[in-house]
C-alpha atoms as a PDB file:
ATOM      1  CA  MET A   1      -0.259   0.029  -0.125  1.00  0.00           C
ATOM      2  CA  SER A   2       1.445   3.398  -1.037  1.00  0.00           C
ATOM      3  CA  ASN A   3       1.975   5.916   1.629  1.00  0.00           C
ATOM      4  CA  ASN A   4      -0.692   8.063   0.362  1.00  0.00           C
ATOM      5  CA  ASN A   5      -3.272   5.442   0.777  1.00  0.00           C
ATOM      6  CA  ILE A   6      -2.174   4.782   4.346  1.00  0.00           C
ATOM      7  CA  ARG A   7      -2.785   8.555   5.012  1.00  0.00           C
ATOM      8  CA  LYS A   8      -6.288   8.176   3.586  1.00  0.00           C
ATOM      9  CA  SER A   9      -7.110   5.462   6.075  1.00  0.00           C
ATOM     10  CA  LEU A  10      -5.519   7.053   8.891  1.00  0.00           C
ATOM     11  CA  VAL A  11      -7.823   9.648   8.184  1.00  0.00           C
ATOM     12  CA  ALA A  12     -10.890   8.165   7.412  1.00  0.00           C
ATOM     13  CA  SER A  13     -10.357   5.908  10.898  1.00  0.00           C
ATOM     14  CA  ALA A  14      -9.753   9.199  12.963  1.00  0.00           C
ATOM     15  CA  LEU A  15     -13.132  10.443  11.682  1.00  0.00           C
ATOM     16  CA  PHE A  16     -15.097   7.322  12.370  1.00  0.00           C
ATOM     17  CA  GLY A  17     -13.662   7.508  15.738  1.00  0.00           C
ATOM     18  CA  ALA A  18     -14.340  10.827  16.299  1.00  0.00           C
ATOM     19  CA  PHE A  19     -17.923  10.251  15.170  1.00  0.00           C
ATOM     20  CA  ALA A  20     -18.202   7.302  17.328  1.00  0.00           C
ATOM     21  CA  LEU A  21     -16.977   9.591  20.249  1.00  0.00           C
ATOM     22  CA  ALA A  22     -19.626  12.189  19.614  1.00  0.00           C
ATOM     23  CA  SER A  23     -22.645   9.595  19.427  1.00  0.00           C
ATOM     24  CA  THR A  24     -21.570   8.079  22.680  1.00  0.00           C
ATOM     25  CA  SER A  25     -21.729  11.431  24.344  1.00  0.00           C
ATOM     26  CA  VAL A  26     -25.024  12.501  22.785  1.00  0.00           C
ATOM     27  CA  ALA A  27     -26.414   9.113  23.884  1.00  0.00           C
ATOM     28  CA  ALA A  28     -25.048   9.255  27.608  1.00  0.00           C
ATOM     29  CA  ASN A  29     -26.424  12.914  27.755  1.00  0.00           C
ATOM     30  CA  GLN A  30     -29.920  11.762  26.539  1.00  0.00           C
ATOM     31  CA  LEU A  31     -29.711   8.831  29.279  1.00  0.00           C
ATOM     32  CA  SER A  32     -28.988  11.389  31.906  1.00  0.00           C
ATOM     33  CA  GLU A  33     -31.772  13.449  31.133  1.00  0.00           C
ATOM     34  CA  ILE A  34     -34.330  10.617  30.542  1.00  0.00           C
ATOM     35  CA  HIS A  35     -32.965   9.615  34.234  1.00  0.00           C
ATOM     36  CA  LYS A  36     -33.624  12.894  35.800  1.00  0.00           C
ATOM     37  CA  VAL A  37     -37.193  13.112  34.096  1.00  0.00           C
ATOM     38  CA  GLY A  38     -37.910   9.424  35.370  1.00  0.00           C
ATOM     39  CA  GLN A  39     -36.754  10.514  38.977  1.00  0.00           C
ATOM     40  CA  GLN A  40     -38.636  13.719  38.653  1.00  0.00           C
ATOM     41  CA  ASN A  41     -41.794  11.670  37.857  1.00  0.00           C
ATOM     42  CA  ILE A  42     -41.318   9.217  40.591  1.00  0.00           C
ATOM     43  CA  ARG A  43     -41.059  11.958  43.137  1.00  0.00           C
ATOM     44  CA  ALA A  44     -43.968  13.730  41.885  1.00  0.00           C
ATOM     45  CA  SER A  45     -46.088  10.385  41.693  1.00  0.00           C
ATOM     46  CA  VAL A  46     -44.742   9.893  45.183  1.00  0.00           C
ATOM     47  CA  GLN A  47     -46.007  13.471  46.276  1.00  0.00           C
ATOM     48  CA  SER A  48     -49.043  12.855  44.288  1.00  0.00           C
ATOM     49  CA  GLN A  49     -49.773   9.749  46.163  1.00  0.00           C
ATOM     50  CA  GLU A  50     -48.901  11.249  49.516  1.00  0.00           C
ATOM     51  CA  LYS A  51     -51.548  14.159  48.851  1.00  0.00           C
ATOM     52  CA  ILE A  52     -54.104  11.541  47.683  1.00  0.00           C
ATOM     53  CA  ASN A  53     -53.414   9.668  51.142  1.00  0.00           C
ATOM     54  CA  ASN A  54     -53.702  13.202  52.879  1.00  0.00           C
ATOM     55  CA  ILE A  55     -57.112  13.818  51.227  1.00  0.00           C
ATOM     56  CA  PHE A  56     -58.325  10.067  51.830  1.00  0.00           C
ATOM     57  CA  ASP A  57     -57.614  10.570  55.613  1.00  0.00           C
ATOM     58  CA  GLN A  58     -59.031  14.033  55.760  1.00  0.00           C
ATOM     59  CA  SER A  59     -62.137  12.636  53.849  1.00  0.00           C
ATOM     60  CA  GLN A  60     -62.475   9.631  56.454  1.00  0.00           C
ATOM     61  CA  GLU A  61     -62.266  12.055  59.058  1.00  0.00           C
ATOM     62  CA  LEU A  62     -65.106  14.076  57.725  1.00  0.00           C
ATOM     63  CA  LEU A  63     -66.892  11.151  57.101  1.00  0.00           C
ATOM     64  CA  ALA A  64     -66.495  10.063  61.015  1.00  0.00           C
ATOM     65  CA  GLU A  65     -67.720  13.475  62.103  1.00  0.00           C
ATOM     66  CA  TYR A  66     -70.824  13.567  59.637  1.00  0.00           C
ATOM     67  CA  ARG A  67     -72.045  10.087  61.157  1.00  0.00           C
ATOM     68  CA  GLN A  68     -71.141  11.472  64.531  1.00  0.00           C
ATOM     69  CA  LEU A  69     -73.363  14.772  63.800  1.00  0.00           C
ATOM     70  CA  VAL A  70     -76.015  12.391  62.074  1.00  0.00           C
ATOM     71  CA  GLU A  71     -76.133  10.276  65.301  1.00  0.00           C
ATOM     72  CA  GLN A  72     -76.304  13.448  67.685  1.00  0.00           C
ATOM     73  CA  THR A  73     -78.964  15.005  65.636  1.00  0.00           C
ATOM     74  CA  GLU A  74     -81.218  11.821  66.007  1.00  0.00           C
ATOM     75  CA  ASN A  75     -80.429  11.637  69.279  1.00  0.00           C
ATOM     76  CA  LEU A  76     -81.345  15.429  69.780  1.00  0.00           C
ATOM     77  CA  LYS A  77     -84.595  14.865  68.031  1.00  0.00           C
ATOM     78  CA  VAL A  78     -85.480  11.781  70.214  1.00  0.00           C
ATOM     79  CA  TYR A  79     -84.876  13.987  73.396  1.00  0.00           C
ATOM     80  CA  ASN A  80     -86.521  16.819  71.686  1.00  0.00           C
ATOM     81  CA  ASP A  81     -89.582  14.582  71.349  1.00  0.00           C
ATOM     82  CA  HIS A  82     -89.316  13.519  74.827  1.00  0.00           C
ATOM     83  CA  VAL A  83     -89.112  16.911  76.112  1.00  0.00           C
ATOM     84  CA  ALA A  84     -92.146  17.741  73.896  1.00  0.00           C
ATOM     85  CA  LYS A  85     -93.958  15.004  75.021  1.00  0.00           C
ATOM     86  CA  LEU A  86     -93.232  15.995  78.878  1.00  0.00           C
ATOM     87  CA  VAL A  87     -94.259  19.389  78.169  1.00  0.00           C
ATOM     88  CA  ALA A  88     -97.608  18.515  76.812  1.00  0.00           C
ATOM     89  CA  ASP A  89     -98.522  15.993  79.477  1.00  0.00           C
ATOM     90  CA  GLN A  90     -97.134  19.008  82.149  1.00  0.00           C
ATOM     91  CA  ASN A  91     -99.708  21.336  80.609  1.00  0.00           C
ATOM     92  CA  ALA A  92    -102.736  18.845  80.756  1.00  0.00           C
ATOM     93  CA  GLN A  93    -101.605  18.625  84.398  1.00  0.00           C
ATOM     94  CA  LEU A  94    -101.750  22.266  85.000  1.00  0.00           C
ATOM     95  CA  ALA A  95    -104.979  22.278  82.859  1.00  0.00           C
ATOM     96  CA  SER A  96    -106.213  19.688  85.291  1.00  0.00           C
ATOM     97  CA  PHE A  97    -105.134  21.559  88.349  1.00  0.00           C
ATOM     98  CA  ASP A  98    -106.797  24.637  87.317  1.00  0.00           C
ATOM     99  CA  LYS A  99    -110.063  22.672  86.898  1.00  0.00           C
ATOM    100  CA  GLN A 100    -109.713  20.912  90.400  1.00  0.00           C
ATOM    101  CA  ILE A 101    -108.925  24.511  91.984  1.00  0.00           C
ATOM    102  CA  GLY A 102    -112.057  25.968  90.491  1.00  0.00           C
ATOM    103  CA  THR A 103    -113.867  23.171  91.533  1.00  0.00           C
ATOM    104  CA  ILE A 104    -112.481  23.033  95.090  1.00  0.00           C
ATOM    105  CA  GLU A 105    -113.211  27.271  95.308  1.00  0.00           C
ATOM    106  CA  GLY A 106    -116.921  26.091  94.384  1.00  0.00           C
ATOM    107  CA  THR A 107    -116.684  23.713  97.193  1.00  0.00           C
ATOM    108  CA  LYS A 108    -115.648  25.994  99.638  1.00  0.00           C
ATOM    109  CA  GLN A 109    -118.111  28.503  99.016  1.00  0.00           C
ATOM    110  CA  GLY A 110    -120.764  25.412  99.858  1.00  0.00           C
ATOM    111  CA  ILE A 111    -119.162  23.741 102.643  1.00  0.00           C
ATOM    112  CA  VAL A 112    -118.434  26.829 104.655  1.00  0.00           C
ATOM    113  CA  PRO A 113    -122.027  28.010 105.376  1.00  0.00           C
ATOM    114  CA  LEU A 114    -122.446  24.598 105.858  1.00  0.00           C
ATOM    115  CA  MET A 115    -120.306  24.342 108.699  1.00  0.00           C
ATOM    116  CA  TYR A 116    -121.691  27.247 110.239  1.00  0.00           C
ATOM    117  CA  ARG A 117    -124.922  25.632 110.058  1.00  0.00           C
ATOM    118  CA  MET A 118    -123.867  22.375 111.814  1.00  0.00           C
ATOM    119  CA  VAL A 119    -122.006  24.360 114.565  1.00  0.00           C
ATOM    120  CA  ASP A 120    -125.358  25.939 115.576  1.00  0.00           C
ATOM    121  CA  THR A 121    -127.150  22.600 115.120  1.00  0.00           C
ATOM    122  CA  LEU A 122    -124.542  21.014 117.415  1.00  0.00           C
ATOM    123  CA  GLU A 123    -125.166  23.946 120.079  1.00  0.00           C
ATOM    124  CA  ALA A 124    -129.015  23.758 119.687  1.00  0.00           C
ATOM    125  CA  PHE A 125    -128.645  19.722 120.381  1.00  0.00           C
ATOM    126  CA  ILE A 126    -126.194  19.916 123.284  1.00  0.00           C
ATOM    127  CA  LYS A 127    -128.588  22.339 125.185  1.00  0.00           C
ATOM    128  CA  ALA A 128    -131.685  20.166 124.274  1.00  0.00           C
ATOM    129  CA  ASP A 129    -130.158  17.144 125.515  1.00  0.00           C
ATOM    130  CA  MET A 130    -129.262  15.857 128.979  1.00  0.00           C
ATOM    131  CA  PRO A 131    -126.682  18.119 130.723  1.00  0.00           C
ATOM    132  CA  ILE A 132    -124.269  15.592 130.326  1.00  0.00           C
ATOM    133  CA  ASP A 133    -120.628  17.494 130.814  1.00  0.00           C
ATOM    134  CA  LEU A 134    -122.442  20.372 129.595  1.00  0.00           C
ATOM    135  CA  THR A 135    -119.561  22.908 130.607  1.00  0.00           C
ATOM    136  CA  ASN A 136    -117.032  21.053 128.269  1.00  0.00           C
ATOM    137  CA  ARG A 137    -119.392  20.349 125.341  1.00  0.00           C
ATOM    138  CA  LEU A 138    -120.458  24.039 125.188  1.00  0.00           C
ATOM    139  CA  ALA A 139    -116.972  25.062 125.545  1.00  0.00           C
ATOM    140  CA  ARG A 140    -116.161  22.786 122.329  1.00  0.00           C
ATOM    141  CA  VAL A 141    -118.962  24.759 120.353  1.00  0.00           C
ATOM    142  CA  ASP A 142    -117.203  28.027 121.218  1.00  0.00           C
ATOM    143  CA  ARG A 143    -113.808  26.627 120.094  1.00  0.00           C
ATOM    144  CA  LEU A 144    -115.365  25.587 116.819  1.00  0.00           C
ATOM    145  CA  ARG A 145    -116.925  29.161 116.196  1.00  0.00           C
ATOM    146  CA  ALA A 146    -113.811  30.407 116.793  1.00  0.00           C
ATOM    147  CA  VAL A 147    -111.667  28.056 114.248  1.00  0.00           C
ATOM    148  CA  LEU A 148    -114.140  28.895 111.776  1.00  0.00           C
ATOM    149  CA  GLY A 149    -113.566  32.614 112.393  1.00  0.00           C
ATOM    150  CA  ASN A 150    -109.526  32.023 112.008  1.00  0.00           C
ATOM    151  CA  SER A 151    -107.991  32.738 108.667  1.00  0.00           C
ATOM    152  CA  ALA A 152    -105.076  30.559 109.946  1.00  0.00           C
ATOM    153  CA  VAL A 153    -106.987  27.544 109.774  1.00  0.00           C
ATOM    154  CA  ASN A 154    -107.480  25.871 106.454  1.00  0.00           C
ATOM    155  CA  THR A 155    -111.138  24.667 105.538  1.00  0.00           C
ATOM    156  CA  SER A 156    -110.415  21.032 105.385  1.00  0.00           C
ATOM    157  CA  GLU A 157    -108.986  21.349 109.231  1.00  0.00           C
ATOM    158  CA  MET A 158    -112.208  23.297 110.062  1.00  0.00           C
ATOM    159  CA  TYR A 159    -114.414  20.387 108.662  1.00  0.00           C
ATOM    160  CA  ARG A 160    -112.297  17.905 110.319  1.00  0.00           C
ATOM    161  CA  LEU A 161    -112.764  19.519 113.664  1.00  0.00           C
ATOM    162  CA  VAL A 162    -116.865  19.753 113.184  1.00  0.00           C
ATOM    163  CA  ILE A 163    -116.986  16.185 112.274  1.00  0.00           C
ATOM    164  CA  GLU A 164    -114.600  15.692 115.347  1.00  0.00           C
ATOM    165  CA  ALA A 165    -117.312  17.386 117.638  1.00  0.00           C
ATOM    166  CA  TYR A 166    -120.035  15.125 115.881  1.00  0.00           C
ATOM    167  CA  GLN A 167    -118.507  12.147 116.565  1.00  0.00           C
ATOM    168  CA  ILE A 168    -118.195  13.102 120.033  1.00  0.00           C
ATOM    169  CA  GLU A 169    -121.583  13.579 120.753  1.00  0.00           C
ATOM    170  CA  LYS A 170    -122.278  10.381 118.938  1.00  0.00           C
ATOM    171  CA  ASP A 171    -120.023   8.698 121.181  1.00  0.00           C
ATOM    172  CA  LEU A 172    -121.707   9.917 124.306  1.00  0.00           C
ATOM    173  CA  GLY A 173    -124.594   7.809 123.474  1.00  0.00           C
ATOM    174  CA  THR A 174    -122.706   4.513 124.370  1.00  0.00           C
ATOM    175  CA  ALA A 175    -120.248   6.001 126.881  1.00  0.00           C
ATOM    176  CA  LEU A 176    -119.828   5.143 130.679  1.00  0.00           C
ATOM    177  CA  VAL A 177    -118.426   7.975 131.851  1.00  0.00           C
ATOM    178  CA  THR A 178    -117.705   9.648 135.411  1.00  0.00           C
ATOM    179  CA  TYR A 179    -116.573  13.337 136.094  1.00  0.00           C
ATOM    180  CA  THR A 180    -116.644  15.924 138.832  1.00  0.00           C
ATOM    181  CA  ASP A 181    -118.417  19.280 138.610  1.00  0.00           C
ATOM    182  CA  LYS A 182    -120.831  21.659 140.121  1.00  0.00           C
ATOM    183  CA  LEU A 183    -124.630  20.749 140.837  1.00  0.00           C
ATOM    184  CA  ALA A 184    -127.193  23.385 142.095  1.00  0.00           C
ATOM    185  CA  VAL A 185    -129.212  21.802 144.977  1.00  0.00           C
ATOM    186  CA  ASP A 186    -131.830  23.440 146.923  1.00  0.00           C
ATOM    187  CA  GLY A 187    -130.684  27.074 145.676  1.00  0.00           C
ATOM    188  CA  SER A 188    -126.585  26.396 146.397  1.00  0.00           C
ATOM    189  CA  GLU A 189    -124.218  24.823 144.165  1.00  0.00           C
ATOM    190  CA  ILE A 190    -122.499  21.619 145.586  1.00  0.00           C
ATOM    191  CA  THR A 191    -119.235  19.722 144.198  1.00  0.00           C
ATOM    192  CA  VAL A 192    -120.348  16.217 143.095  1.00  0.00           C
ATOM    193  CA  ASN A 193    -119.523  13.144 140.963  1.00  0.00           C
ATOM    194  CA  TYR A 194    -121.386  12.711 137.887  1.00  0.00           C
ATOM    195  CA  VAL A 195    -121.639   9.434 135.930  1.00  0.00           C
ATOM    196  CA  TYR A 196    -123.622   8.876 132.847  1.00  0.00           C
ATOM    197  CA  VAL A 197    -125.084   5.540 131.130  1.00  0.00           C
ATOM    198  CA  GLY A 198    -124.904   6.631 127.071  1.00  0.00           C
ATOM    199  CA  ARG A 199    -128.237   8.847 127.381  1.00  0.00           C
ATOM    200  CA  VAL A 200    -129.886   6.464 129.154  1.00  0.00           C
ATOM    201  CA  ALA A 201    -129.262   7.578 132.785  1.00  0.00           C
ATOM    202  CA  LEU A 202    -127.278  10.583 134.396  1.00  0.00           C
ATOM    203  CA  LEU A 203    -126.796  10.297 137.651  1.00  0.00           C
ATOM    204  CA  ALA A 204    -124.962  12.565 140.635  1.00  0.00           C
ATOM    205  CA  GLN A 205    -123.594  11.904 144.055  1.00  0.00           C
ATOM    206  CA  SER A 206    -122.270  14.056 146.908  1.00  0.00           C
ATOM    207  CA  LEU A 207    -118.630  13.478 147.661  1.00  0.00           C
ATOM    208  CA  ASP A 208    -119.386  12.086 150.794  1.00  0.00           C
ATOM    209  CA  GLU A 209    -121.570   9.481 149.132  1.00  0.00           C
ATOM    210  CA  LYS A 210    -124.983   9.872 151.410  1.00  0.00           C
ATOM    211  CA  GLN A 211    -126.845  11.900 148.661  1.00  0.00           C
ATOM    212  CA  ALA A 212    -127.788  10.835 145.020  1.00  0.00           C
ATOM    213  CA  TRP A 213    -129.933  12.684 142.310  1.00  0.00           C
ATOM    214  CA  MET A 214    -131.033  11.737 138.734  1.00  0.00           C
ATOM    215  CA  PHE A 215    -131.733  14.083 135.888  1.00  0.00           C
ATOM    216  CA  ASN A 216    -135.238  13.702 134.573  1.00  0.00           C
ATOM    217  CA  ARG A 217    -135.659  14.325 131.378  1.00  0.00           C
ATOM    218  CA  ALA A 218    -139.352  15.104 131.157  1.00  0.00           C
ATOM    219  CA  THR A 219    -139.020  18.064 133.687  1.00  0.00           C
ATOM    220  CA  GLY A 220    -135.540  18.987 132.689  1.00  0.00           C
ATOM    221  CA  GLN A 221    -134.936  19.064 136.595  1.00  0.00           C
ATOM    222  CA  TRP A 222    -132.737  17.061 139.110  1.00  0.00           C
ATOM    223  CA  GLN A 223    -134.365  15.055 141.601  1.00  0.00           C
ATOM    224  CA  ALA A 224    -133.348  13.016 144.587  1.00  0.00           C
ATOM    225  CA  LEU A 225    -132.731   9.241 144.537  1.00  0.00           C
ATOM    226  CA  GLY A 226    -134.131   7.262 147.763  1.00  0.00           C
ATOM    227  CA  GLU A 227    -131.757   5.050 149.877  1.00  0.00           C
ATOM    228  CA  GLU A 228    -131.944   2.080 147.552  1.00  0.00           C
ATOM    229  CA  TYR A 229    -129.801   3.784 144.607  1.00  0.00           C
ATOM    230  CA  ILE A 230    -127.413   5.172 146.961  1.00  0.00           C
ATOM    231  CA  GLN A 231    -125.234   1.981 146.558  1.00  0.00           C
ATOM    232  CA  SER A 232    -125.772   1.316 143.449  1.00  0.00           C
ATOM    233  CA  THR A 233    -124.957   4.831 142.290  1.00  0.00           C
ATOM    234  CA  ARG A 234    -121.646   4.973 144.064  1.00  0.00           C
ATOM    235  CA  LEU A 235    -121.027   1.371 142.038  1.00  0.00           C
ATOM    236  CA  ALA A 236    -121.644   2.974 138.740  1.00  0.00           C
ATOM    237  CA  ILE A 237    -118.903   6.058 139.709  1.00  0.00           C
ATOM    238  CA  ARG A 238    -116.425   3.231 140.351  1.00  0.00           C
ATOM    239  CA  VAL A 239    -117.047   1.278 137.639  1.00  0.00           C
ATOM    240  CA  ALA A 240    -117.041   4.225 135.012  1.00  0.00           C
ATOM    241  CA  GLY A 241    -113.550   5.444 137.032  1.00  0.00           C
ATOM    242  CA  LYS A 242    -112.215   1.772 136.278  1.00  0.00           C
ATOM    243  CA  GLN A 243    -112.124   1.626 140.162  1.00  0.00           C
ATOM    244  CA  ALA A 244    -114.366  -1.776 140.098  1.00  0.00           C
ATOM    245  CA  ALA A 245    -114.887  -4.443 137.630  1.00  0.00           C
ATOM    246  CA  PRO A 246    -118.028  -3.993 135.240  1.00  0.00           C
ATOM    247  CA  GLU A 247    -121.054  -5.812 136.557  1.00  0.00           C
ATOM    248  CA  LEU A 248    -125.058  -5.416 136.520  1.00  0.00           C
ATOM    249  CA  LEU A 249    -125.907  -2.152 138.042  1.00  0.00           C
ATOM    250  CA  LYS A 250    -129.488  -1.276 139.301  1.00  0.00           C
ATOM    251  CA  LEU A 251    -130.032   2.394 138.154  1.00  0.00           C
ATOM    252  CA  PRO A 252    -132.983   4.348 138.207  1.00  0.00           C
ATOM    253  CA  VAL A 253    -134.435   4.772 134.775  1.00  0.00           C
ATOM    254  CA  LEU A 254    -137.546   6.995 133.747  1.00  0.00           C
ATOM    255  CA  ALA A 255    -139.932   4.707 131.504  1.00  0.00           C
ATOM    256  CA  ALA A 256    -140.795   6.609 128.173  1.00  0.00           C
ATOM    257  CA  GLU A 257    -143.881   8.365 127.999  1.00  0.00           C
END
């Protein structure tokens, strides 16, 4: 091969090498750029996923809060319905109370005059009855009148006391009771022991147990008893005072006319 041909061959080889080196450098640069872009894309994808995860977590929290609010709202509705029923029931009770109060006031207007009439009737009955424990019975009537005029005593208590007084009078019809009081005899008063057997007999005996009297309902006067009743009157007083055992008593009783 001639020198000229050799030089041409070397030049061609050098040019080929230069082109090859140039191509390799360009490819390396392109790969580097592609790698950078890939890394950027990966980082962007990771950041996007993190954002998505954060948004998902926030949405789950919001969903939980929403469900809690819904539950609270439902509970509040149930409670409000309950309160509404209570209010309605209380209003109904208040209306009923108002009606009852009106009825009570009407009843009071009727019962107060009735109690005054009952006390007047009680006094008239006591004065027409045997003078059994007369002082205390008439004093009870006076106390009732004082109660009826006392604004501090309510109507129900007034009525209870009036009924109680009537019950006491009723019990006198079956009671065996003794008490000590004054008796007018021959224009003077002496202290005697009284004994009454229901409303069948009312007797009195002097404290020395030597005299005895019987109330005569027909005449409204006291009349002296004979010797045959002195002992039985004494025994009746002792039995009534729980000082002797109960037994049959021989007492003077006026026959009904």
